[in-house]
Amino acid sequence: MGQGWSWSGFVDYLFNPYILSGAVTTLWLTLAAIAGGLVVGCTLALARLSSRRWIAGPAHFYIWVFRGTPLLVQLIIIYTGLPQLGLKLSVIESALLGLILNEAAYLAEIVRGGIQSISAGQTNAARAVGFSSAQTMRYIVMPQAMRLIVPTLGNSINGLLKTTSITSVISMEELLRRTQVLIQEKFMVLELFVVAAIYYLLMTTAWDFVQRRIERHYGRAYGNASAPAVPAEPALEQR
């Protein structure tokens, strides 16, 4: 054991419930982090777009800090540093908080970029016909901005599926952590890492399929593409 490739060990752990449970943890950790990151990120994006410096300034500082430091460092500070300040969080709480705060910084820039891509002329036109700021954002800006936001957001989710593996450093029981635990017990290093790689590949491939469908939905024309074409006028008969 531990020397050469073991097909039997590879097959056994490919369907191992312990590994499968770790993959499920990776999935819900990704979903929870992206949901929380979107809420915080959208708030930060709107704050960055504010004309008031006391609102835009702190949002810019937050994004600068969390985009400029590694997630690994942020997780270690949250898990081992906060208890020194009297705030002790569990492994799950620390992992979720770290992923949400980090992802929010990136999603904020994605949302802000999508909103700013819409020309000011369209928002001015909406205001001219009596739309409020909220109505302009909901009916004019966001439907168009989503075309640019969705592809980048989809790539972020794909990356987050793999980034969750970093939480293994604080003993989060996700896919990579459980793979490492089995390696220490069974000494099947290559076989178990290949199994983990296959699980990650399956999850990212499944998400790629979902992302393509979402992109097609938001990439459709605003008009009714199925409406019947206007019949052409009959050609004049030649004399």
Protein backbone atom coordinates (compact mmCIF):
# COMPACT_ATOMS: atom_id res chain seq x y z
CA MET A 1 0.00 0.00 0.00
CA GLY A 2 1.34 3.47 -0.85
CA GLN A 3 3.45 2.18 -3.79
CA GLY A 4 2.17 2.12 -7.35
CA TRP A 5 -1.33 2.71 -8.59
CA SER A 6 -4.21 0.75 -7.05
CA TRP A 7 -7.24 0.48 -9.33
CA SER A 8 -9.28 -1.22 -6.62
CA GLY A 9 -8.51 1.57 -4.15
CA PHE A 10 -9.33 4.21 -6.75
CA VAL A 11 -12.72 2.64 -7.57
CA ASP A 12 -13.56 2.11 -3.90
CA TYR A 13 -12.96 5.73 -2.97
CA LEU A 14 -14.58 7.07 -6.12
CA PHE A 15 -17.92 6.09 -4.57
CA ASN A 16 -16.94 6.46 -0.94
CA PRO A 17 -19.71 8.07 1.19
CA TYR A 18 -17.15 10.00 3.22
CA ILE A 19 -15.75 11.64 0.08
CA LEU A 20 -19.24 12.17 -1.35
CA SER A 21 -20.32 13.93 1.83
CA GLY A 22 -17.32 16.24 1.48
CA ALA A 23 -18.40 17.08 -2.08
CA VAL A 24 -21.90 17.91 -0.82
CA THR A 25 -20.34 20.21 1.80
CA THR A 26 -18.37 21.93 -0.97
CA LEU A 27 -21.61 22.51 -2.89
CA TRP A 28 -23.62 24.03 -0.06
CA LEU A 29 -20.61 26.08 1.05
CA THR A 30 -20.39 27.50 -2.48
CA LEU A 31 -24.11 28.27 -2.66
CA ALA A 32 -24.16 29.92 0.76
CA ALA A 33 -21.04 31.97 -0.01
CA ILE A 34 -22.32 33.18 -3.38
CA ALA A 35 -25.73 34.08 -1.92
CA GLY A 36 -24.21 36.05 0.94
CA GLY A 37 -21.57 37.52 -1.36
CA LEU A 38 -24.23 38.80 -3.75
CA VAL A 39 -26.16 40.55 -0.99
CA VAL A 40 -23.05 42.23 0.40
CA GLY A 41 -21.57 42.78 -3.05
CA CYS A 42 -24.65 44.51 -4.48
CA THR A 43 -24.75 46.77 -1.43
CA LEU A 44 -21.09 47.63 -1.91
CA ALA A 45 -21.60 48.26 -5.63
CA LEU A 46 -24.41 50.73 -4.98
CA ALA A 47 -22.33 52.40 -2.28
CA ARG A 48 -19.39 52.73 -4.69
CA LEU A 49 -21.68 54.42 -7.21
CA SER A 50 -22.93 56.92 -4.64
CA SER A 51 -21.98 60.55 -5.12
CA ARG A 52 -21.54 60.90 -1.35
CA ARG A 53 -17.89 60.32 -0.42
CA TRP A 54 -18.73 59.17 3.11
CA ILE A 55 -20.66 56.25 1.53
CA ALA A 56 -18.41 55.51 -1.45
CA GLY A 57 -15.16 55.82 0.54
CA PRO A 58 -15.69 52.96 3.03
CA ALA A 59 -16.99 50.70 0.24
CA HIS A 60 -13.89 51.42 -1.84
CA PHE A 61 -11.66 50.72 1.18
CA TYR A 62 -13.41 47.40 1.86
CA ILE A 63 -13.00 46.26 -1.74
CA TRP A 64 -9.35 47.36 -1.75
CA VAL A 65 -8.57 45.36 1.40
CA PHE A 66 -10.35 42.14 0.52
CA ARG A 67 -9.21 42.06 -3.10
CA GLY A 68 -5.65 42.92 -2.13
CA THR A 69 -5.11 40.21 0.48
CA PRO A 70 -5.20 36.42 0.05
CA LEU A 71 -8.28 34.51 1.16
CA LEU A 72 -6.00 32.17 3.11
CA VAL A 73 -4.76 35.06 5.25
CA GLN A 74 -8.30 36.33 5.76
CA LEU A 75 -9.49 32.92 6.93
CA ILE A 76 -6.63 32.55 9.40
CA ILE A 77 -7.29 36.04 10.81
CA ILE A 78 -11.00 35.27 11.21
CA TYR A 79 -10.50 31.82 12.74
CA THR A 80 -7.47 32.47 14.97
CA GLY A 81 -7.36 36.25 15.28
CA LEU A 82 -10.93 37.14 16.19
CA PRO A 83 -10.93 34.89 19.32
CA GLN A 84 -8.12 37.09 20.69
CA LEU A 85 -10.57 39.99 20.44
CA GLY A 86 -13.26 38.03 22.27
CA LEU A 87 -15.16 36.81 19.20
CA LYS A 88 -14.85 33.04 18.81
CA LEU A 89 -16.43 31.47 15.72
CA SER A 90 -16.82 27.82 14.80
CA VAL A 91 -15.06 26.34 11.78
CA ILE A 92 -18.23 26.53 9.67
CA GLU A 93 -18.97 30.10 10.74
CA SER A 94 -15.38 31.16 10.04
CA ALA A 95 -15.34 29.49 6.62
CA LEU A 96 -18.66 31.04 5.58
CA LEU A 97 -17.73 34.49 6.86
CA GLY A 98 -14.37 34.42 5.11
CA LEU A 99 -15.78 33.24 1.79
CA ILE A 100 -18.70 35.71 1.86
CA LEU A 101 -16.56 38.72 2.74
CA ASN A 102 -13.93 37.84 0.14
CA GLU A 103 -16.39 37.02 -2.63
CA ALA A 104 -18.42 40.18 -1.96
CA ALA A 105 -15.43 42.35 -2.87
CA TYR A 106 -15.16 40.75 -6.31
CA LEU A 107 -18.89 40.61 -6.96
CA ALA A 108 -19.21 44.29 -6.06
CA GLU A 109 -16.85 45.22 -8.90
CA ILE A 110 -18.68 42.90 -11.30
CA VAL A 111 -22.05 44.50 -10.50
CA ARG A 112 -20.63 48.02 -10.54
CA GLY A 113 -19.02 47.44 -13.93
CA GLY A 114 -22.27 46.09 -15.37
CA ILE A 115 -24.27 49.07 -14.12
CA GLN A 116 -21.73 51.61 -15.37
CA SER A 117 -21.74 50.03 -18.82
CA ILE A 118 -25.25 51.40 -19.40
CA SER A 119 -25.12 54.84 -20.96
CA ALA A 120 -26.28 57.83 -18.94
CA GLY A 121 -28.60 58.77 -21.80
CA GLN A 122 -30.89 55.85 -21.00
CA THR A 123 -31.19 56.74 -17.34
CA ASN A 124 -31.81 60.37 -18.24
CA ALA A 125 -34.53 59.32 -20.66
CA ALA A 126 -36.16 57.18 -17.97
CA ARG A 127 -36.13 60.11 -15.57
CA ALA A 128 -37.62 62.33 -18.26
CA VAL A 129 -40.69 60.09 -18.57
CA GLY A 130 -41.21 60.05 -14.82
CA PHE A 131 -39.35 56.95 -13.62
CA SER A 132 -37.98 57.07 -10.08
CA SER A 133 -34.39 56.05 -9.34
CA ALA A 134 -35.54 52.61 -8.17
CA GLN A 135 -37.73 52.11 -11.23
CA THR A 136 -34.94 53.20 -13.55
CA MET A 137 -32.57 50.71 -11.94
CA ARG A 138 -35.12 47.89 -12.02
CA TYR A 139 -36.64 48.32 -15.47
CA ILE A 140 -33.96 50.06 -17.51
CA VAL A 141 -30.47 49.54 -16.11
CA MET A 142 -30.42 46.05 -14.57
CA PRO A 143 -32.10 44.13 -17.44
CA GLN A 144 -29.36 45.38 -19.75
CA ALA A 145 -26.53 45.16 -17.22
CA MET A 146 -27.38 41.53 -16.49
CA ARG A 147 -26.13 40.59 -19.95
CA LEU A 148 -22.66 41.64 -18.87
CA ILE A 149 -22.91 40.61 -15.23
CA VAL A 150 -24.15 37.03 -15.70
CA PRO A 151 -21.16 35.58 -17.64
CA THR A 152 -18.64 37.04 -15.20
CA LEU A 153 -20.75 36.02 -12.22
CA GLY A 154 -20.94 32.49 -13.60
CA ASN A 155 -17.16 32.34 -13.84
CA SER A 156 -16.92 33.53 -10.23
CA ILE A 157 -19.17 30.70 -9.08
CA ASN A 158 -17.05 28.21 -11.01
CA GLY A 159 -13.94 29.57 -9.33
CA LEU A 160 -15.60 29.60 -5.91
CA LEU A 161 -16.35 25.88 -6.20
CA LYS A 162 -12.60 25.29 -6.26
CA THR A 163 -11.69 28.11 -3.88
CA THR A 164 -13.67 26.46 -1.07
CA SER A 165 -10.77 23.99 -0.84
CA ILE A 166 -8.76 26.73 0.92
CA THR A 167 -11.07 26.40 3.93
CA SER A 168 -9.42 23.04 4.59
CA VAL A 169 -6.61 24.96 6.34
CA ILE A 170 -9.00 25.73 9.22
CA SER A 171 -10.25 22.11 9.21
CA MET A 172 -13.48 22.71 7.32
CA GLU A 173 -14.81 19.26 6.43
CA GLU A 174 -15.17 19.86 2.69
CA LEU A 175 -13.96 17.71 -0.20
CA LEU A 176 -10.23 18.44 -0.01
CA ARG A 177 -10.08 18.15 3.78
CA ARG A 178 -11.76 14.75 3.75
CA THR A 179 -9.45 13.63 0.97
CA GLN A 180 -6.45 14.61 3.09
CA VAL A 181 -7.84 12.73 6.10
CA LEU A 182 -8.19 9.53 4.07
CA ILE A 183 -4.68 9.95 2.63
CA GLN A 184 -3.27 10.07 6.15
CA GLU A 185 -5.12 6.85 6.98
CA LYS A 186 -4.78 4.86 3.74
CA PHE A 187 -1.58 6.33 2.17
CA MET A 188 -3.20 6.30 -1.28
CA VAL A 189 -2.03 9.76 -2.24
CA LEU A 190 -2.40 9.73 -6.01
CA GLU A 191 -5.60 7.69 -6.10
CA LEU A 192 -7.42 9.92 -3.60
CA PHE A 193 -6.27 13.18 -5.16
CA VAL A 194 -7.45 11.93 -8.56
CA VAL A 195 -10.82 11.08 -7.01
CA ALA A 196 -11.03 14.60 -5.56
CA ALA A 197 -10.08 16.08 -8.93
CA ILE A 198 -12.85 14.08 -10.63
CA TYR A 199 -15.43 15.36 -8.14
CA TYR A 200 -14.33 18.95 -8.69
CA LEU A 201 -14.42 18.42 -12.44
CA LEU A 202 -17.94 16.98 -12.29
CA MET A 203 -19.21 19.90 -10.20
CA THR A 204 -17.64 22.58 -12.39
CA THR A 205 -18.85 20.84 -15.56
CA ALA A 206 -22.40 20.65 -14.21
CA TRP A 207 -22.27 24.34 -13.33
CA ASP A 208 -20.91 25.18 -16.80
CA PHE A 209 -24.03 23.58 -18.30
CA VAL A 210 -26.29 25.63 -16.00
CA GLN A 211 -24.32 28.81 -16.71
CA ARG A 212 -24.72 28.42 -20.47
CA ARG A 213 -28.48 28.14 -20.12
CA ILE A 214 -28.62 31.22 -17.89
CA GLU A 215 -26.49 33.18 -20.35
CA ARG A 216 -28.77 32.20 -23.23
CA HIS A 217 -31.76 33.40 -21.21
CA TYR A 218 -30.28 36.83 -20.52
CA GLY A 219 -28.82 37.04 -24.00
CA ARG A 220 -32.21 36.90 -25.71
CA ALA A 221 -33.54 39.96 -27.46
CA TYR A 222 -35.99 42.08 -25.50
CA GLY A 223 -38.55 41.93 -28.28
CA ASN A 224 -40.73 38.95 -29.07
CA ALA A 225 -38.55 36.90 -31.35
CA SER A 226 -41.41 34.55 -32.13
CA ALA A 227 -43.69 37.29 -33.46
CA PRO A 228 -44.71 36.70 -37.07
CA ALA A 229 -42.86 38.70 -39.64
CA VAL A 230 -44.70 41.44 -41.47
CA PRO A 231 -45.55 40.11 -44.93
CA ALA A 232 -43.83 41.87 -47.78
CA GLU A 233 -45.89 43.82 -50.25
CA PRO A 234 -46.61 41.87 -53.39
CA ALA A 235 -44.37 42.74 -56.26
CA LEU A 236 -45.91 44.68 -59.16
CA GLU A 237 -46.66 42.56 -62.14
CA GLN A 238 -44.50 43.29 -65.11
CA ARG A 239 -46.39 44.76 -68.01
